[in-house]
């Protein structure tokens, strides 16, 4: 594992070899350590590796000694994950281009990385209206109070309001930066940056010392979308990075929600466009929580009263695979990918089994690809 971690880091330093090509190398050679030893002829057998890229790889390998580079790099970047690490955020593994190296600062919570604790991203314009700010703070606080981790990009505007709303409610938030994790951008967010490290995590695919670069911010949007089960767009004009995040979320099979606004408000046009193309509408905090499968729990007296009236449904004899999936479920909603992880079955098999259990009346599906036992 340590050796493969070393080579993920080494390969990440090779120009023109991004996340997609690295995945192909790993699939072709079995490990990136083996790929590092491959000659030009062997590399040419991997899709996407033409003469120019192979020449770039050859030059880079002559200049990088992987073990030495890991030692030197770790002095300035002590905390990072690679795709070889078991703690690497699991939901990012589902997207086509997960960052080969993910740097972090702050407090790690493994339940987030394992996809057990739900995360929701909030994005939007850097120039929000008072309406957008107010609803962002309300939604972010409600999510925090119901156990969600709020993800955003620490940009000015909606991102800042999302982080602050979450932190003020005592919640946990993640900031995905387009700079190194040691760089604060915008500089006015220094107090926010420090608070996020104390109550959450700062993430970036760029090493320490990387300064703001316009090209980096659209790239980081895929991480914001990939980390979360749902993306909320609070306000966005027609040309907005938030819309890029929403489109990527759709590609990653994440749920997209949008806050409706006025027809004559430029900052709401992007949200209205998302709604017209099938995104979920945010009507209130309670409505959103219900859609996310986080309906506020009844108080104890109400629970006792309801459960006293309800008789458990008898479970018929089931085939082994059906019984295995059913055993992982409880009355509380469980995300689909967690069910896959706990059963150890293929995602297609789990999906088919859940459908059969639904038809038997033993399982119900909730919004956000979550399931619970009836």
Protein backbone atom coordinates (compact mmCIF):
# COMPACT_ATOMS: atom_id res chain seq x y z
CA UNK A 1 0.00 0.00 0.00
CA UNK A 2 2.82 2.41 0.91
CA UNK A 3 4.61 1.65 -2.35
CA UNK A 4 1.50 2.29 -4.42
CA UNK A 5 0.84 5.54 -2.49
CA UNK A 6 4.37 6.62 -3.42
CA UNK A 7 3.72 6.03 -7.11
CA UNK A 8 0.33 7.74 -7.16
CA UNK A 9 2.13 10.84 -5.89
CA UNK A 10 4.98 10.44 -8.39
CA UNK A 11 2.64 10.00 -11.36
CA UNK A 12 0.62 13.06 -10.27
CA UNK A 13 3.71 15.16 -11.02
CA UNK A 14 3.82 14.11 -14.68
CA UNK A 15 2.40 16.78 -16.97
CA UNK A 16 -0.50 15.82 -19.25
CA UNK A 17 -1.21 12.62 -17.30
CA UNK A 18 -4.40 13.43 -15.42
CA UNK A 19 -6.88 11.39 -13.38
CA UNK A 20 -8.43 9.57 -16.35
CA UNK A 21 -5.11 8.44 -17.83
CA UNK A 22 -3.89 7.38 -14.39
CA UNK A 23 -6.94 5.15 -13.99
CA UNK A 24 -6.16 3.58 -17.38
CA UNK A 25 -2.56 2.98 -16.37
CA UNK A 26 -3.65 1.30 -13.16
CA UNK A 27 -6.16 -0.90 -14.97
CA UNK A 28 -3.66 -1.89 -17.66
CA UNK A 29 -0.62 -2.63 -15.48
CA UNK A 30 -2.36 -3.59 -12.24
CA UNK A 31 -0.42 -1.04 -10.17
CA UNK A 32 1.13 2.34 -10.83
CA UNK A 33 4.41 0.97 -9.50
CA UNK A 34 4.45 -1.45 -12.46
CA UNK A 35 3.39 1.33 -14.83
CA UNK A 36 6.38 3.42 -13.68
CA UNK A 37 8.70 0.65 -14.97
CA UNK A 38 6.93 0.28 -18.33
CA UNK A 39 8.86 1.06 -21.49
CA UNK A 40 7.60 3.18 -24.37
CA UNK A 41 6.19 0.21 -26.28
CA UNK A 42 4.24 -0.99 -23.27
CA UNK A 43 2.90 2.50 -22.54
CA UNK A 44 1.75 2.87 -26.14
CA UNK A 45 -0.67 -0.01 -25.58
CA UNK A 46 -2.66 2.15 -23.12
CA UNK A 47 -5.42 4.23 -24.67
CA UNK A 48 -4.50 7.92 -24.75
CA UNK A 49 -0.73 7.44 -24.60
CA UNK A 50 0.63 8.80 -27.86
CA UNK A 51 4.18 9.73 -28.74
CA UNK A 52 4.13 13.18 -27.12
CA UNK A 53 2.75 11.99 -23.79
CA UNK A 54 5.14 9.03 -23.71
CA UNK A 55 8.07 11.42 -24.27
CA UNK A 56 6.79 13.58 -21.41
CA UNK A 57 6.53 10.51 -19.17
CA UNK A 58 10.05 9.38 -20.09
CA UNK A 59 11.50 12.80 -19.24
CA UNK A 60 9.58 13.04 -15.95
CA UNK A 61 10.65 9.55 -14.81
CA UNK A 62 14.30 10.44 -15.38
CA UNK A 63 13.92 13.44 -13.06
CA UNK A 64 11.72 11.99 -10.27
CA UNK A 65 12.84 9.40 -7.76
CA UNK A 66 9.50 8.35 -6.22
CA UNK A 67 10.68 7.48 -2.69
CA UNK A 68 12.85 10.59 -2.39
CA UNK A 69 10.10 12.76 -3.80
CA UNK A 70 7.57 11.42 -1.27
CA UNK A 71 9.92 12.28 1.59
CA UNK A 72 10.61 15.81 0.29
CA UNK A 73 7.00 16.50 -0.67
CA UNK A 74 5.69 15.42 2.75
CA UNK A 75 7.69 18.12 4.51
CA UNK A 76 5.49 20.85 3.01
CA UNK A 77 2.45 18.62 2.55
CA UNK A 78 2.21 16.38 5.62
CA UNK A 79 -1.47 15.51 5.16
CA UNK A 80 -2.79 14.02 1.93
CA UNK A 81 -4.58 11.00 0.55
CA UNK A 82 -3.98 9.17 -2.70
CA UNK A 83 -6.31 6.71 -4.41
CA UNK A 84 -4.24 3.94 -2.84
CA UNK A 85 -5.25 5.05 0.68
CA UNK A 86 -8.18 3.36 2.42
CA UNK A 87 -9.19 6.71 3.96
CA UNK A 88 -9.61 8.38 0.55
CA UNK A 89 -13.20 9.79 0.33
CA UNK A 90 -15.28 6.94 -1.01
CA UNK A 91 -17.80 9.00 -2.97
CA UNK A 92 -14.99 10.57 -5.00
CA UNK A 93 -14.03 7.11 -6.21
CA UNK A 94 -17.36 7.00 -8.06
CA UNK A 95 -16.58 9.94 -10.36
CA UNK A 96 -14.64 9.51 -13.65
CA UNK A 97 -11.80 11.84 -12.63
CA UNK A 98 -11.07 11.63 -8.89
CA UNK A 99 -8.05 13.73 -7.88
CA UNK A 100 -4.99 11.43 -7.68
CA UNK A 101 -3.80 13.34 -4.62
CA UNK A 102 -6.09 15.14 -2.18
CA UNK A 103 -4.48 17.43 0.40
CA UNK A 104 -6.23 18.39 3.61
CA UNK A 105 -6.02 20.46 6.78
CA UNK A 106 -8.30 20.28 9.80
CA UNK A 107 -10.26 17.51 11.48
CA UNK A 108 -10.80 14.27 9.56
CA UNK A 109 -14.04 12.38 10.19
CA UNK A 110 -13.80 8.87 8.77
CA UNK A 111 -17.59 8.42 8.57
CA UNK A 112 -17.61 11.17 5.92
CA UNK A 113 -14.81 9.49 3.99
CA UNK A 114 -16.65 6.17 4.14
CA UNK A 115 -19.86 7.75 2.83
CA UNK A 116 -21.74 6.96 6.04
CA UNK A 117 -22.28 10.52 7.25
CA UNK A 118 -24.18 12.38 4.50
CA UNK A 119 -22.68 15.46 2.89
CA UNK A 120 -24.55 18.11 0.93
CA UNK A 121 -22.90 20.78 -1.23
CA UNK A 122 -24.17 24.35 -1.36
CA UNK A 123 -23.00 26.56 -4.24
CA UNK A 124 -23.97 29.81 -5.89
CA UNK A 125 -23.00 33.22 -7.16
CA UNK A 126 -20.27 35.41 -5.67
CA UNK A 127 -22.71 38.33 -5.79
CA UNK A 128 -25.86 37.09 -4.04
CA UNK A 129 -28.92 39.11 -3.15
CA UNK A 130 -30.10 39.46 0.44
CA UNK A 131 -32.73 36.82 -0.41
CA UNK A 132 -30.04 34.38 -1.50
CA UNK A 133 -27.88 35.05 1.55
CA UNK A 134 -30.79 34.66 3.95
CA UNK A 135 -31.97 31.35 2.50
CA UNK A 136 -28.44 30.00 2.26
CA UNK A 137 -27.88 30.63 5.96
CA UNK A 138 -31.26 29.08 6.85
CA UNK A 139 -30.73 25.97 4.72
CA UNK A 140 -27.14 25.49 5.86
CA UNK A 141 -28.10 25.78 9.53
CA UNK A 142 -31.00 23.33 9.10
CA UNK A 143 -28.71 20.79 7.43
CA UNK A 144 -26.13 21.15 10.20
CA UNK A 145 -28.78 20.66 12.88
CA UNK A 146 -29.91 17.42 11.22
CA UNK A 147 -26.47 15.85 11.01
CA UNK A 148 -25.41 16.76 7.48
CA UNK A 149 -21.93 18.00 6.65
CA UNK A 150 -22.05 21.08 4.41
CA UNK A 151 -19.56 21.27 1.53
CA UNK A 152 -18.71 24.41 -0.40
CA UNK A 153 -15.77 26.24 -2.00
CA UNK A 154 -15.05 29.12 0.44
CA UNK A 155 -15.53 31.66 -2.37
CA UNK A 156 -17.10 35.02 -1.66
CA UNK A 157 -20.91 35.13 -1.70
CA UNK A 158 -23.06 32.00 -1.38
CA UNK A 159 -20.11 29.75 -0.45
CA UNK A 160 -19.17 32.00 2.45
CA UNK A 161 -22.78 32.19 3.69
CA UNK A 162 -23.09 28.39 3.50
CA UNK A 163 -19.98 27.80 5.60
CA UNK A 164 -20.94 30.45 8.14
CA UNK A 165 -24.54 29.27 8.47
CA UNK A 166 -23.31 25.75 9.17
CA UNK A 167 -20.62 26.79 11.64
CA UNK A 168 -22.94 29.15 13.53
CA UNK A 169 -25.36 26.24 13.99
CA UNK A 170 -22.58 24.13 15.50
CA UNK A 171 -22.22 21.97 12.40
CA UNK A 172 -19.31 20.61 10.43
CA UNK A 173 -18.27 21.96 7.04
CA UNK A 174 -15.75 21.15 4.30
CA UNK A 175 -14.15 23.76 2.06
CA UNK A 176 -12.74 22.64 -1.31
CA UNK A 177 -10.18 25.18 -2.49
CA UNK A 178 -8.84 26.08 -5.92
CA UNK A 179 -5.49 26.90 -4.28
CA UNK A 180 -3.18 25.00 -1.96
CA UNK A 181 -4.65 24.25 1.45
CA UNK A 182 -2.24 26.80 2.96
CA UNK A 183 -3.50 29.66 0.77
CA UNK A 184 -6.50 31.77 1.78
CA UNK A 185 -8.61 33.08 -1.08
CA UNK A 186 -10.24 35.51 -0.93
CA UNK A 187 -7.97 36.98 1.80
CA UNK A 188 -11.04 38.47 3.53
CA UNK A 189 -12.07 34.91 4.47
CA UNK A 190 -9.09 34.34 6.77
CA UNK A 191 -11.23 34.16 9.97
CA UNK A 192 -13.60 31.76 8.20
CA UNK A 193 -10.70 29.63 6.97
CA UNK A 194 -9.35 29.30 10.51
CA UNK A 195 -12.77 28.42 11.92
CA UNK A 196 -13.33 25.76 9.25
CA UNK A 197 -10.07 24.06 10.24
CA UNK A 198 -11.29 23.95 13.86
CA UNK A 199 -14.77 22.59 13.01
CA UNK A 200 -14.21 20.82 9.72
CA UNK A 201 -11.77 20.28 6.90
CA UNK A 202 -10.06 22.21 4.12
CA UNK A 203 -9.37 20.18 0.95
CA UNK A 204 -7.54 20.73 -2.33
CA UNK A 205 -6.02 18.71 -5.15
CA UNK A 206 -3.23 21.31 -5.37
CA UNK A 207 -0.09 21.15 -3.18
CA UNK A 208 0.91 23.76 -0.63
CA UNK A 209 1.96 27.06 -2.11
CA UNK A 210 -0.36 26.88 -5.14
CA UNK A 211 -1.70 30.39 -5.70
CA UNK A 212 -5.11 31.34 -7.16
CA UNK A 213 -5.40 30.41 -10.82
CA UNK A 214 -8.57 30.98 -12.83
CA UNK A 215 -8.32 27.53 -14.45
CA UNK A 216 -8.26 25.76 -11.08
CA UNK A 217 -11.68 26.86 -9.84
CA UNK A 218 -13.81 25.07 -12.47
CA UNK A 219 -11.66 21.97 -11.85
CA UNK A 220 -12.34 22.00 -8.12
CA UNK A 221 -16.10 22.12 -8.80
CA UNK A 222 -16.08 18.42 -9.75
CA UNK A 223 -14.71 17.64 -6.26
CA UNK A 224 -17.48 19.70 -4.63
CA UNK A 225 -20.06 17.74 -6.64
CA UNK A 226 -18.38 14.37 -6.18
CA UNK A 227 -18.03 14.57 -2.40
CA UNK A 228 -21.76 15.02 -1.84
CA UNK A 229 -24.96 13.09 -2.29
CA UNK A 230 -26.78 16.27 -3.33
CA UNK A 231 -25.89 19.73 -4.63
CA UNK A 232 -27.98 22.80 -3.77
CA UNK A 233 -27.76 25.82 -6.06
CA UNK A 234 -29.00 28.86 -4.15
CA UNK A 235 -28.52 31.66 -6.69
CA UNK A 236 -26.77 31.62 -10.05
CA UNK A 237 -26.81 33.81 -13.17
CA UNK A 238 -26.62 32.18 -16.60
CA UNK A 239 -22.80 32.22 -16.62
CA UNK A 240 -21.90 30.81 -13.23
CA UNK A 241 -19.45 28.30 -11.85
CA UNK A 242 -22.28 27.01 -9.69
CA UNK A 243 -24.04 25.76 -12.82
CA UNK A 244 -20.88 23.87 -13.81
CA UNK A 245 -21.05 22.15 -10.42
CA UNK A 246 -24.73 21.32 -10.98
CA UNK A 247 -24.08 19.85 -14.43
CA UNK A 248 -21.22 17.75 -13.05
CA UNK A 249 -23.45 16.58 -10.21
CA UNK A 250 -25.97 15.38 -12.80
CA UNK A 251 -23.22 13.48 -14.61
CA UNK A 252 -22.19 11.88 -11.30
CA UNK A 253 -25.81 10.80 -10.60
CA UNK A 254 -26.11 13.20 -7.66
CA UNK A 255 -29.39 14.95 -6.83
CA UNK A 256 -29.55 18.64 -7.76
CA UNK A 257 -31.80 21.11 -5.94
CA UNK A 258 -32.37 24.77 -6.77
CA UNK A 259 -33.82 27.71 -4.88
CA UNK A 260 -36.54 29.40 -6.97
CA UNK A 261 -36.37 33.15 -7.49
CA UNK A 262 -37.96 35.99 -9.44
CA UNK A 263 -38.15 35.87 -13.22
CA UNK A 264 -36.66 39.34 -13.53
CA UNK A 265 -33.77 38.67 -11.14
CA UNK A 266 -30.55 37.98 -13.04
CA UNK A 267 -29.10 36.06 -10.08
CA UNK A 268 -31.99 33.57 -10.20
CA UNK A 269 -32.02 32.84 -13.93
CA UNK A 270 -29.59 29.93 -13.62
CA UNK A 271 -31.65 28.32 -10.85
CA UNK A 272 -34.86 28.69 -12.83
CA UNK A 273 -33.13 27.05 -15.79
CA UNK A 274 -32.12 24.10 -13.60
CA UNK A 275 -35.69 23.74 -12.37
CA UNK A 276 -37.01 23.76 -15.93
CA UNK A 277 -34.64 20.86 -16.71
CA UNK A 278 -35.84 18.71 -13.84
CA UNK A 279 -33.89 19.73 -10.74
CA UNK A 280 -35.69 19.48 -7.41
CA UNK A 281 -37.22 22.69 -6.08
CA UNK A 282 -36.39 23.94 -2.58
CA UNK A 283 -39.67 25.11 -1.02
CA UNK A 284 -38.57 25.32 2.62
CA UNK A 285 -36.08 23.86 5.07
CA UNK A 286 -38.54 21.13 6.07
CA UNK A 287 -39.36 20.26 2.47
CA UNK A 288 -35.67 19.94 1.62
CA UNK A 289 -34.95 17.78 4.66
CA UNK A 290 -37.84 15.52 3.75
CA UNK A 291 -36.55 15.18 0.19
CA UNK A 292 -33.10 14.37 1.54
CA UNK A 293 -34.55 11.68 3.77
CA UNK A 294 -33.87 13.57 6.98
CA UNK A 295 -37.41 14.06 8.27
CA UNK A 296 -37.16 15.41 11.83
CA UNK A 297 -37.62 12.63 14.37
CA UNK A 298 -40.78 12.49 16.45
CA UNK A 299 -40.43 13.05 20.14
CA UNK A 300 -40.30 9.94 22.35
CA UNK A 301 -43.97 10.00 23.38
CA UNK A 302 -45.14 10.20 19.75
CA UNK A 303 -42.80 7.36 18.77
CA UNK A 304 -44.15 5.11 21.52
CA UNK A 305 -47.72 5.89 20.52
CA UNK A 306 -47.14 5.16 16.84
CA UNK A 307 -45.09 2.03 17.38
CA UNK A 308 -47.69 0.62 19.76
CA UNK A 309 -50.25 0.73 16.94
CA UNK A 310 -47.96 -0.77 14.32
CA UNK A 311 -47.52 -4.52 14.03
CA UNK A 312 -44.26 -5.74 12.47
CA UNK A 313 -44.62 -7.15 8.97
CA UNK A 314 -43.94 -10.90 8.90
CA UNK A 315 -40.87 -11.70 6.82
CA UNK A 316 -41.36 -14.56 4.35
CA UNK A 317 -38.64 -17.05 3.57
CA UNK A 318 -36.20 -15.31 1.27
CA UNK A 319 -33.43 -16.34 -1.07
CA UNK A 320 -29.97 -15.86 0.55
CA UNK A 321 -29.12 -12.69 -1.39
CA UNK A 322 -32.49 -11.07 -0.58
CA UNK A 323 -32.09 -11.95 3.09
CA UNK A 324 -28.53 -10.60 3.14
CA UNK A 325 -29.59 -7.20 1.79
CA UNK A 326 -32.64 -7.02 4.05
CA UNK A 327 -30.48 -7.66 7.12
CA UNK A 328 -28.43 -4.53 6.41
CA UNK A 329 -31.51 -2.30 6.48
CA UNK A 330 -33.19 -0.65 9.46
CA UNK A 331 -36.06 1.75 10.04
CA UNK A 332 -33.66 4.67 9.52
CA UNK A 333 -32.78 5.48 5.88
CA UNK A 334 -29.51 4.01 4.58
CA UNK A 335 -27.81 5.28 1.38
CA UNK A 336 -27.51 2.88 -1.53
CA UNK A 337 -23.72 2.93 -1.63
CA UNK A 338 -23.52 2.08 2.09
CA UNK A 339 -25.74 -0.96 1.45
CA UNK A 340 -23.38 -2.03 -1.35
CA UNK A 341 -20.40 -1.58 0.98
CA UNK A 342 -21.95 -3.52 3.86
CA UNK A 343 -23.16 -6.45 1.77
CA UNK A 344 -20.06 -6.75 -0.38
CA UNK A 345 -22.30 -7.43 -3.40
CA UNK A 346 -22.08 -5.79 -6.82
CA UNK A 347 -24.06 -2.57 -7.19
CA UNK A 348 -26.21 -4.10 -9.94
CA UNK A 349 -27.11 -7.07 -7.75
CA UNK A 350 -28.00 -4.81 -4.82
CA UNK A 351 -30.18 -2.62 -7.04
CA UNK A 352 -32.07 -5.65 -8.40
CA UNK A 353 -32.47 -7.13 -4.91
CA UNK A 354 -33.80 -3.88 -3.45
CA UNK A 355 -36.39 -3.72 -6.23
CA UNK A 356 -37.57 -7.24 -5.40
CA UNK A 357 -37.77 -6.36 -1.70
CA UNK A 358 -39.80 -3.26 -2.58
CA UNK A 359 -42.25 -5.39 -4.57
CA UNK A 360 -42.58 -7.69 -1.54
CA UNK A 361 -43.44 -4.67 0.60
CA UNK A 362 -40.41 -5.16 2.84
CA UNK A 363 -38.40 -2.10 1.77
CA UNK A 364 -39.25 1.46 0.76
CA UNK A 365 -37.12 3.86 -1.25
CA UNK A 366 -36.69 7.49 -0.21
CA UNK A 367 -35.35 10.45 -2.20
CA UNK A 368 -31.59 10.57 -2.61
CA UNK A 369 -31.17 6.83 -3.30
CA UNK A 370 -31.83 5.91 0.33
CA UNK A 371 -33.68 2.83 1.55
CA UNK A 372 -35.29 1.74 4.79
CA UNK A 373 -36.94 -1.39 6.11
CA UNK A 374 -40.72 -1.24 6.28
